[in-house]
Every structure is written in structure tokens, then in C-alpha cells.
């Protein structure tokens, strides 16, 4: 099920943020905000709609391009969202 993959990649992203592996605090703060919005979407009754409405996939693409430290996790998260049709 695609949502399980999204949750798995979300947990990897959370671990990176929790371990302070991103030196740039501004980027880390923005990525935490996206993570929190993604978490809310996962908890909602319709995560696809919530994720699309918040345009989280587009925000993640920006982070993938600007922060190679988390690029693979973000790329995998984007792929998981794509498999959900987002």
C-alpha cells in the first residue's frame, strides 16, 4: 500500500531532522514545517487531498535540489507520493 511507503520515508526524514544532520538551521526549520504538514496529512482521513492542497510535493522537490544531505530520502518520499497519485 503506497501510504505505508510514505510513512516509512516520512520516518526516515524525521530521524534526519531529529538527529540534527542538517547544518543549515533555516533549511532544517523549513523542512521541519513540511514534515509537520505531511504528518498532519498522513493522520487525516484523506492524505492525498491534504498533501495536494498543501503542495507538499513541490516543497519537497525544492529541498531535494537545495540540500543534497537529505536528497535521497526526499527523492524516495516523492516517489512514494507519486505512487499515490500525488
Protein backbone atom coordinates (compact mmCIF):
# COMPACT_ATOMS: atom_id res chain seq x y z
CA UNK A 1 0.00 0.00 0.00
CA UNK A 2 1.52 3.37 -1.03
CA UNK A 3 0.69 5.13 2.25
CA UNK A 4 2.92 2.65 4.10
CA UNK A 5 5.85 3.66 1.89
CA UNK A 6 5.10 7.35 2.51
CA UNK A 7 5.05 6.68 6.27
CA UNK A 8 8.35 4.80 6.05
CA UNK A 9 10.08 7.60 4.16
CA UNK A 10 8.48 10.16 6.49
CA UNK A 11 10.06 8.34 9.45
CA UNK A 12 13.48 8.49 7.76
CA UNK A 13 13.08 12.22 7.21
CA UNK A 14 12.03 12.68 10.83
CA UNK A 15 15.12 10.80 12.00
CA UNK A 16 17.40 13.07 9.95
CA UNK A 17 15.75 16.15 11.42
CA UNK A 18 15.74 14.75 14.97
CA UNK A 19 19.45 13.96 14.75
CA UNK A 20 20.27 17.50 13.53
CA UNK A 21 22.04 16.21 10.43
CA UNK A 22 21.21 19.40 8.53
CA UNK A 23 23.69 22.13 9.42
CA UNK A 24 21.69 24.99 7.93
CA UNK A 25 19.11 25.78 10.61
CA UNK A 26 16.94 27.82 8.24
CA UNK A 27 16.62 24.88 5.85
CA UNK A 28 16.09 22.49 8.75
CA UNK A 29 13.32 24.70 10.11
CA UNK A 30 11.55 24.87 6.76
CA UNK A 31 11.91 21.13 6.29
CA UNK A 32 10.50 20.52 9.79
CA UNK A 33 7.46 22.59 8.84
CA UNK A 34 6.94 20.49 5.70
CA UNK A 35 7.41 17.32 7.79
CA UNK A 36 4.78 18.53 10.28
CA UNK A 37 2.33 19.32 7.47
CA UNK A 38 3.00 15.92 5.96
CA UNK A 39 2.39 14.27 9.32
CA UNK A 40 -0.97 16.06 9.61
CA UNK A 41 -1.87 14.90 6.11
CA UNK A 42 -0.99 11.29 6.95
CA UNK A 43 -3.18 11.45 10.06
CA UNK A 44 -6.11 12.99 8.17
CA UNK A 45 -8.88 10.94 6.68
CA UNK A 46 -7.78 11.77 3.13
CA UNK A 47 -3.99 12.19 2.98
CA UNK A 48 -3.92 12.51 -0.81
CA UNK A 49 -6.17 15.55 -0.78
CA UNK A 50 -4.35 17.15 2.15
CA UNK A 51 -0.95 16.63 0.54
CA UNK A 52 -2.12 18.00 -2.81
CA UNK A 53 -3.81 21.00 -1.18
CA UNK A 54 -0.67 21.94 0.72
CA UNK A 55 1.53 21.35 -2.33
CA UNK A 56 3.99 19.41 -0.16
CA UNK A 57 5.44 17.50 -3.10
CA UNK A 58 6.53 20.77 -4.74
CA UNK A 59 8.12 21.93 -1.49
CA UNK A 60 9.98 18.63 -1.16
CA UNK A 61 11.36 19.00 -4.70
CA UNK A 62 12.90 22.34 -3.72
CA UNK A 63 14.61 20.70 -0.72
CA UNK A 64 15.85 17.86 -2.89
CA UNK A 65 17.53 20.35 -5.21
CA UNK A 66 18.99 22.57 -2.49
CA UNK A 67 20.00 20.09 0.18
CA UNK A 68 21.87 17.04 -1.05
CA UNK A 69 22.25 15.73 2.52
CA UNK A 70 18.61 14.69 2.54
CA UNK A 71 18.20 14.37 -1.22
CA UNK A 72 17.80 10.57 -1.31
CA UNK A 73 15.21 10.49 1.46
CA UNK A 74 13.27 13.30 -0.17
CA UNK A 75 13.53 11.63 -3.59
CA UNK A 76 12.19 8.39 -2.10
CA UNK A 77 9.39 10.29 -0.34
CA UNK A 78 8.45 12.00 -3.61
CA UNK A 79 8.40 8.62 -5.37
CA UNK A 80 6.13 7.24 -2.63
CA UNK A 81 3.78 10.22 -3.02
CA UNK A 82 3.81 9.72 -6.79
CA UNK A 83 2.71 6.13 -6.34
CA UNK A 84 -0.31 7.54 -4.50
CA UNK A 85 -1.10 9.74 -7.49
CA UNK A 86 0.21 12.94 -5.90
